[in-house]
Amino acid sequence: MADISMKHLRYFEALAQHGHFGRAAEACAISQPALSLQIKELEEILGAPLVERGSRQIRLTSLGEAFALRVRDILRAVDELEDLARASHGPLAGRLRIGVIPTVAPYLLPTVLKRLSERFPGLDLRPREAVTQKLVEDLVEGRLDTAIVALPVSEPSLAEVALFEEEFVLVRPREDAEKPVPNSEMLREMRLLLLEEGHCFREQALSFCNLSSSLPRDLMEGSSLTTLVQMVSAGIGVTLIPQMAVGIETRSAQVSVARLGPPRPARTIGMVWRRSNPLSEQFGLIAEIVREVGGASAGSREGAR
């Protein structure tokens, strides 16, 4: 009888995560038939089915559900053993799976990745962009090593390190540039454009306007900051964006940017990782690079009046 291999476990974990043979195969960089064969072999070793195969997606059996939980624990422990060995070898090297929220990734990540590659040439950087809830879930379950997010995330198993503060700025049509800057009460009466649900930046903007419990009638949503700014450029409403996004998002839009009056809305950007990760000290070095890049970006007031 064959033994269960790490390959079996990693392929099954990918299938359990994606719920689809094609997407799981793509994530594992193998063909779909090869993945299917490995899962079938694993089921034969166990003597019971792990998945119910449908035409479009798969569903885990009761055994598959229980097996998936144990597999995640095993893979996380194996990864941390590998990290322990890496931590003893000096300079940070090997795979680094780093998550970033969408309202930070386009503005911070390119420079951060460049700096990391220069400082740690042996790193195999694997960035992933997702909303905070998904990043935290992937961190806890061992699918990510660290993530750049807005704090706090309040997950007991994760260490949080604050890196820099960043203001939100008001974006409105260019013809409104000379008008008085509205306060939070006035914003509640305006057509406010916000990111769709799931983005922490949306909740932060709503909190500043005291709209967490009752949304304005004219609230409109977009899937990205780019969409929101272009909607403002078209005269549809106003929006809030983080300071680091100003240079990129407003350069091709007919908009004006203004700093809001005190108390100015802001967020804290930081890094998080599992407290049990042996690479915590090395992550501190990465955090310093992110702090340096992000502090310069958040401190720029180009385009704001």
Protein backbone atom coordinates (compact mmCIF):
# COMPACT_ATOMS: atom_id res chain seq x y z
CA MET A 1 0.00 0.00 0.00
CA ALA A 2 1.34 3.45 -0.93
CA ASP A 3 2.02 6.08 1.70
CA ILE A 4 0.49 9.54 1.89
CA SER A 5 3.03 12.06 0.63
CA MET A 6 3.43 15.80 1.16
CA LYS A 7 2.49 16.17 -2.50
CA HIS A 8 -0.84 14.48 -1.80
CA LEU A 9 -1.49 16.83 1.11
CA ARG A 10 -0.58 20.04 -0.73
CA TYR A 11 -2.69 19.12 -3.76
CA PHE A 12 -5.66 18.21 -1.58
CA GLU A 13 -5.33 21.43 0.43
CA ALA A 14 -5.37 23.42 -2.81
CA LEU A 15 -8.49 21.57 -3.97
CA ALA A 16 -10.21 22.15 -0.62
CA GLN A 17 -9.33 25.84 -0.77
CA HIS A 18 -10.42 26.50 -4.37
CA GLY A 19 -13.31 24.03 -4.61
CA HIS A 20 -12.50 23.43 -8.28
CA PHE A 21 -10.04 21.06 -9.98
CA GLY A 22 -9.05 23.58 -12.66
CA ARG A 23 -8.30 26.45 -10.26
CA ALA A 24 -6.52 24.14 -7.82
CA ALA A 25 -4.36 22.71 -10.62
CA GLU A 26 -3.49 26.22 -11.75
CA ALA A 27 -2.52 27.19 -8.20
CA CYS A 28 -0.29 24.11 -7.98
CA ALA A 29 1.21 24.72 -11.45
CA ILE A 30 0.25 21.26 -12.72
CA SER A 31 -2.29 19.96 -15.20
CA GLN A 32 -5.84 19.22 -14.13
CA PRO A 33 -5.61 15.49 -15.02
CA ALA A 34 -2.43 15.21 -12.93
CA LEU A 35 -4.13 16.81 -9.94
CA SER A 36 -7.19 14.62 -10.34
CA LEU A 37 -4.95 11.55 -10.44
CA GLN A 38 -3.20 12.56 -7.21
CA ILE A 39 -6.51 13.11 -5.41
CA LYS A 40 -7.84 9.78 -6.63
CA GLU A 41 -4.65 8.08 -5.42
CA LEU A 42 -5.04 9.75 -2.01
CA GLU A 43 -8.64 8.51 -1.77
CA GLU A 44 -7.50 4.97 -2.64
CA ILE A 45 -4.87 5.11 0.12
CA LEU A 46 -7.49 6.25 2.63
CA GLY A 47 -10.10 3.83 1.34
CA ALA A 48 -12.85 6.46 1.24
CA PRO A 49 -13.87 9.43 -0.95
CA LEU A 50 -12.77 12.92 0.06
CA VAL A 51 -14.73 14.90 -2.53
CA GLU A 52 -18.05 14.79 -4.33
CA ARG A 53 -17.31 15.57 -7.96
CA GLY A 54 -19.80 17.85 -9.73
CA SER A 55 -19.80 19.21 -13.27
CA ARG A 56 -18.71 22.72 -12.19
CA GLN A 57 -17.25 22.41 -8.71
CA ILE A 58 -16.47 19.89 -6.01
CA ARG A 59 -17.85 19.50 -2.52
CA LEU A 60 -15.90 17.91 0.33
CA THR A 61 -17.38 14.82 1.96
CA SER A 62 -17.65 14.72 5.75
CA LEU A 63 -14.33 12.87 5.80
CA GLY A 64 -12.91 15.47 3.40
CA GLU A 65 -13.95 18.32 5.70
CA ALA A 66 -12.28 16.72 8.73
CA PHE A 67 -9.25 15.71 6.66
CA ALA A 68 -8.84 19.27 5.33
CA LEU A 69 -8.61 20.70 8.84
CA ARG A 70 -5.86 18.24 9.81
CA VAL A 71 -4.02 18.76 6.54
CA ARG A 72 -3.87 22.53 7.09
CA ASP A 73 -2.38 21.96 10.56
CA ILE A 74 0.21 19.55 9.15
CA LEU A 75 1.23 21.81 6.26
CA ARG A 76 1.46 24.84 8.54
CA ALA A 77 3.71 22.89 10.93
CA VAL A 78 5.91 21.68 8.06
CA ASP A 79 6.22 25.22 6.69
CA GLU A 80 7.21 26.51 10.11
CA LEU A 81 9.88 23.80 10.42
CA GLU A 82 11.27 24.98 7.09
CA ASP A 83 11.10 28.57 8.33
CA LEU A 84 12.98 27.56 11.48
CA ALA A 85 15.80 26.21 9.31
CA ARG A 86 15.76 29.37 7.18
CA ALA A 87 15.94 31.57 10.27
CA SER A 88 19.14 29.83 11.37
CA HIS A 89 20.89 30.41 8.06
CA GLY A 90 21.29 34.17 8.34
CA PRO A 91 19.95 36.38 5.50
CA LEU A 92 16.32 35.94 4.57
CA ALA A 93 15.97 33.66 1.55
CA GLY A 94 13.52 31.29 -0.09
CA ARG A 95 9.79 31.66 -0.58
CA LEU A 96 8.03 34.65 0.95
CA ARG A 97 4.26 34.79 0.51
CA ILE A 98 3.24 38.35 1.27
CA GLY A 99 -0.35 39.61 1.18
CA VAL A 100 -1.40 43.22 0.61
CA ILE A 101 -4.81 44.92 0.74
CA PRO A 102 -6.06 46.46 -2.57
CA THR A 103 -5.92 50.07 -1.30
CA VAL A 104 -2.19 49.68 -0.64
CA ALA A 105 -0.91 47.18 -3.22
CA PRO A 106 -0.72 49.35 -6.40
CA TYR A 107 0.95 52.27 -4.63
CA LEU A 108 3.35 50.59 -2.20
CA LEU A 109 4.06 47.07 -3.42
CA PRO A 110 6.22 47.75 -6.52
CA THR A 111 8.78 49.78 -4.55
CA VAL A 112 8.66 47.44 -1.56
CA LEU A 113 9.29 44.38 -3.75
CA LYS A 114 12.18 46.14 -5.48
CA ARG A 115 13.77 47.10 -2.16
CA LEU A 116 13.32 43.58 -0.78
CA SER A 117 14.90 42.02 -3.88
CA GLU A 118 17.89 44.35 -3.53
CA ARG A 119 18.29 43.72 0.20
CA PHE A 120 17.56 39.97 0.10
CA PRO A 121 18.50 38.66 -3.38
CA GLY A 122 17.77 35.09 -2.31
CA LEU A 123 14.08 35.81 -1.68
CA ASP A 124 11.44 34.21 -3.89
CA LEU A 125 8.75 36.87 -3.52
CA ARG A 126 5.14 35.77 -4.04
CA PRO A 127 2.75 38.73 -3.50
CA ARG A 128 -1.01 38.30 -3.25
CA GLU A 129 -3.64 41.04 -3.24
CA ALA A 130 -6.87 40.48 -1.30
CA VAL A 131 -9.20 42.13 1.20
CA THR A 132 -8.26 42.02 4.87
CA GLN A 133 -10.61 39.21 5.86
CA LYS A 134 -9.17 36.89 3.21
CA LEU A 135 -5.57 37.79 4.08
CA VAL A 136 -6.14 37.12 7.78
CA GLU A 137 -7.79 33.79 6.98
CA ASP A 138 -4.87 32.76 4.75
CA LEU A 139 -2.33 33.83 7.39
CA VAL A 140 -4.02 31.85 10.14
CA GLU A 141 -4.29 28.78 7.92
CA GLY A 142 -0.67 29.00 6.76
CA ARG A 143 -1.22 30.01 3.12
CA LEU A 144 0.57 33.34 3.65
CA ASP A 145 3.67 34.26 5.63
CA THR A 146 2.93 37.93 6.32
CA ALA A 147 0.62 40.70 5.15
CA ILE A 148 0.46 44.49 4.87
CA VAL A 149 -2.94 45.66 6.13
CA ALA A 150 -4.73 48.46 7.95
CA LEU A 151 -4.61 47.90 11.70
CA PRO A 152 -5.97 46.62 13.93
CA VAL A 153 -6.99 43.17 12.73
CA SER A 154 -7.57 41.87 16.29
CA GLU A 155 -6.69 38.23 15.59
CA PRO A 156 -5.09 36.72 18.74
CA SER A 157 -2.81 34.35 16.81
CA LEU A 158 -1.26 37.19 14.77
CA ALA A 159 1.43 39.67 15.77
CA GLU A 160 0.75 43.26 14.65
CA VAL A 161 3.41 45.89 13.99
CA ALA A 162 2.29 49.45 13.20
CA LEU A 163 4.40 51.05 10.45
CA PHE A 164 3.01 54.48 9.53
CA GLU A 165 -0.07 56.69 9.66
CA GLU A 166 -1.77 57.88 6.49
CA GLU A 167 -4.41 60.55 5.97
CA PHE A 168 -7.47 60.26 3.73
CA VAL A 169 -8.00 63.12 1.30
CA LEU A 170 -11.14 64.39 -0.42
CA VAL A 171 -11.42 64.02 -4.20
CA ARG A 172 -14.05 66.18 -5.92
CA PRO A 173 -14.65 67.56 -9.44
CA ARG A 174 -12.04 70.06 -10.61
CA GLU A 175 -14.61 72.86 -10.81
CA ASP A 176 -15.15 72.53 -7.05
CA ALA A 177 -11.50 73.27 -6.26
CA GLU A 178 -12.17 76.77 -4.93
CA LYS A 179 -15.19 75.83 -2.83
CA PRO A 180 -14.84 75.45 0.95
CA VAL A 181 -13.73 71.99 2.02
CA PRO A 182 -16.75 70.15 3.50
CA ASN A 183 -16.65 68.67 6.98
CA SER A 184 -17.94 65.21 7.88
CA GLU A 185 -21.50 66.48 8.41
CA MET A 186 -21.56 68.12 4.98
CA LEU A 187 -20.19 64.95 3.37
CA ARG A 188 -23.20 63.05 4.67
CA GLU A 189 -25.40 65.28 2.52
CA MET A 190 -23.30 64.80 -0.64
CA ARG A 191 -23.26 61.96 -3.16
CA LEU A 192 -20.49 59.86 -1.64
CA LEU A 193 -18.65 57.24 -3.70
CA LEU A 194 -17.16 54.36 -1.72
CA LEU A 195 -15.58 50.98 -2.30
CA GLU A 196 -17.91 48.01 -2.26
CA GLU A 197 -18.41 45.91 0.87
CA GLY A 198 -15.46 43.83 2.05
CA HIS A 199 -12.88 46.63 1.86
CA CYS A 200 -11.70 47.94 5.23
CA PHE A 201 -11.14 51.37 3.66
CA ARG A 202 -14.88 51.60 3.05
CA GLU A 203 -15.61 51.08 6.73
CA GLN A 204 -12.99 53.64 7.73
CA ALA A 205 -14.49 56.25 5.40
CA LEU A 206 -18.00 55.54 6.66
CA SER A 207 -16.79 55.86 10.24
CA PHE A 208 -15.31 59.31 9.55
CA CYS A 209 -18.65 60.46 8.14
CA ASN A 210 -20.54 58.82 11.03
CA LEU A 211 -22.40 56.67 8.53
CA SER A 212 -21.65 53.21 9.89
CA SER A 213 -25.23 52.57 10.94
CA SER A 214 -27.24 54.50 8.34
CA LEU A 215 -26.02 54.79 4.76
CA PRO A 216 -26.88 57.90 2.73
CA ARG A 217 -29.49 57.57 0.02
CA ASP A 218 -27.06 58.73 -2.67
CA LEU A 219 -24.22 56.35 -1.72
CA MET A 220 -22.60 54.78 -4.78
CA GLU A 221 -20.06 51.96 -4.83
CA GLY A 222 -17.07 51.03 -6.95
CA SER A 223 -14.72 48.06 -7.13
CA SER A 224 -11.47 50.07 -6.99
CA LEU A 225 -10.09 53.50 -6.14
CA THR A 226 -9.46 54.02 -9.86
CA THR A 227 -13.16 53.56 -10.57
CA LEU A 228 -14.15 55.95 -7.78
CA VAL A 229 -11.82 58.72 -8.94
CA GLN A 230 -12.95 58.39 -12.57
CA MET A 231 -16.57 58.61 -11.41
CA VAL A 232 -15.71 61.83 -9.58
CA SER A 233 -14.02 63.08 -12.74
CA ALA A 234 -17.29 62.47 -14.58
CA GLY A 235 -19.11 64.67 -12.05
CA ILE A 236 -21.00 61.85 -10.35
CA GLY A 237 -20.00 62.64 -6.76
CA VAL A 238 -17.07 62.91 -4.33
CA THR A 239 -14.90 60.31 -2.66
CA LEU A 240 -12.15 59.76 -0.11
CA ILE A 241 -8.86 58.07 -1.02
CA PRO A 242 -5.66 57.37 0.93
CA GLN A 243 -2.84 59.88 0.51
CA MET A 244 -0.52 57.30 -1.13
CA ALA A 245 -3.01 56.86 -3.99
CA VAL A 246 -3.18 60.54 -5.00
CA GLY A 247 -0.26 60.64 -7.42
CA ILE A 248 -1.36 57.63 -9.45
CA GLU A 249 -5.14 57.93 -9.33
CA THR A 250 -5.57 61.65 -10.02
CA ARG A 251 -2.98 62.26 -12.73
CA SER A 252 -5.37 61.49 -15.59
CA ALA A 253 -8.61 62.64 -13.95
CA GLN A 254 -10.38 65.99 -13.99
CA VAL A 255 -10.48 66.26 -10.20
CA SER A 256 -9.20 68.37 -7.34
CA VAL A 257 -7.77 67.05 -4.08
CA ALA A 258 -8.17 68.67 -0.67
CA ARG A 259 -7.13 67.86 2.87
CA LEU A 260 -10.05 67.61 5.23
CA GLY A 261 -10.20 69.66 8.40
CA PRO A 262 -9.36 68.27 11.83
CA PRO A 263 -9.92 65.75 13.13
CA ARG A 264 -8.54 64.47 9.85
CA PRO A 265 -9.45 60.89 8.91
CA ALA A 266 -6.48 58.53 8.83
CA ARG A 267 -5.52 54.90 9.03
CA THR A 268 -2.61 52.94 10.48
CA ILE A 269 -0.80 50.67 8.02
CA GLY A 270 1.09 47.76 9.52
CA MET A 271 2.32 44.22 9.05
CA VAL A 272 0.92 41.06 10.58
CA TRP A 273 2.19 37.48 10.81
CA ARG A 274 1.60 34.38 12.91
CA ARG A 275 3.09 34.67 16.39
CA SER A 276 4.37 31.10 16.03
CA ASN A 277 6.37 31.84 12.88
CA PRO A 278 10.12 31.35 13.50
CA LEU A 279 10.87 34.14 11.01
CA SER A 280 9.41 36.87 13.24
CA GLU A 281 12.79 38.58 13.63
CA GLN A 282 13.34 38.60 9.86
CA PHE A 283 9.83 39.97 9.31
CA GLY A 284 10.87 42.86 11.52
CA LEU A 285 13.55 43.71 8.93
CA ILE A 286 10.96 43.61 6.16
CA ALA A 287 8.69 45.82 8.24
CA GLU A 288 11.43 48.47 8.42
CA ILE A 289 11.63 48.55 4.61
CA VAL A 290 7.84 48.86 4.31
CA ARG A 291 7.87 51.62 6.94
CA GLU A 292 10.51 53.56 5.01
CA VAL A 293 8.71 53.25 1.66
CA GLY A 294 5.23 53.79 3.07
CA GLY A 295 6.18 56.70 5.28
CA ALA A 296 7.58 58.57 2.29
CA SER A 297 4.48 57.79 0.23
CA ALA A 298 1.95 58.69 2.92
CA GLY A 299 3.86 61.86 3.79
CA SER A 300 3.64 63.24 0.25
CA ARG A 301 0.96 65.90 -0.18
CA GLU A 302 1.38 66.35 -3.90
CA GLY A 303 -1.89 67.48 -5.45
CA ALA A 304 -3.64 68.29 -2.17
CA ARG A 305 -4.63 71.80 -1.20
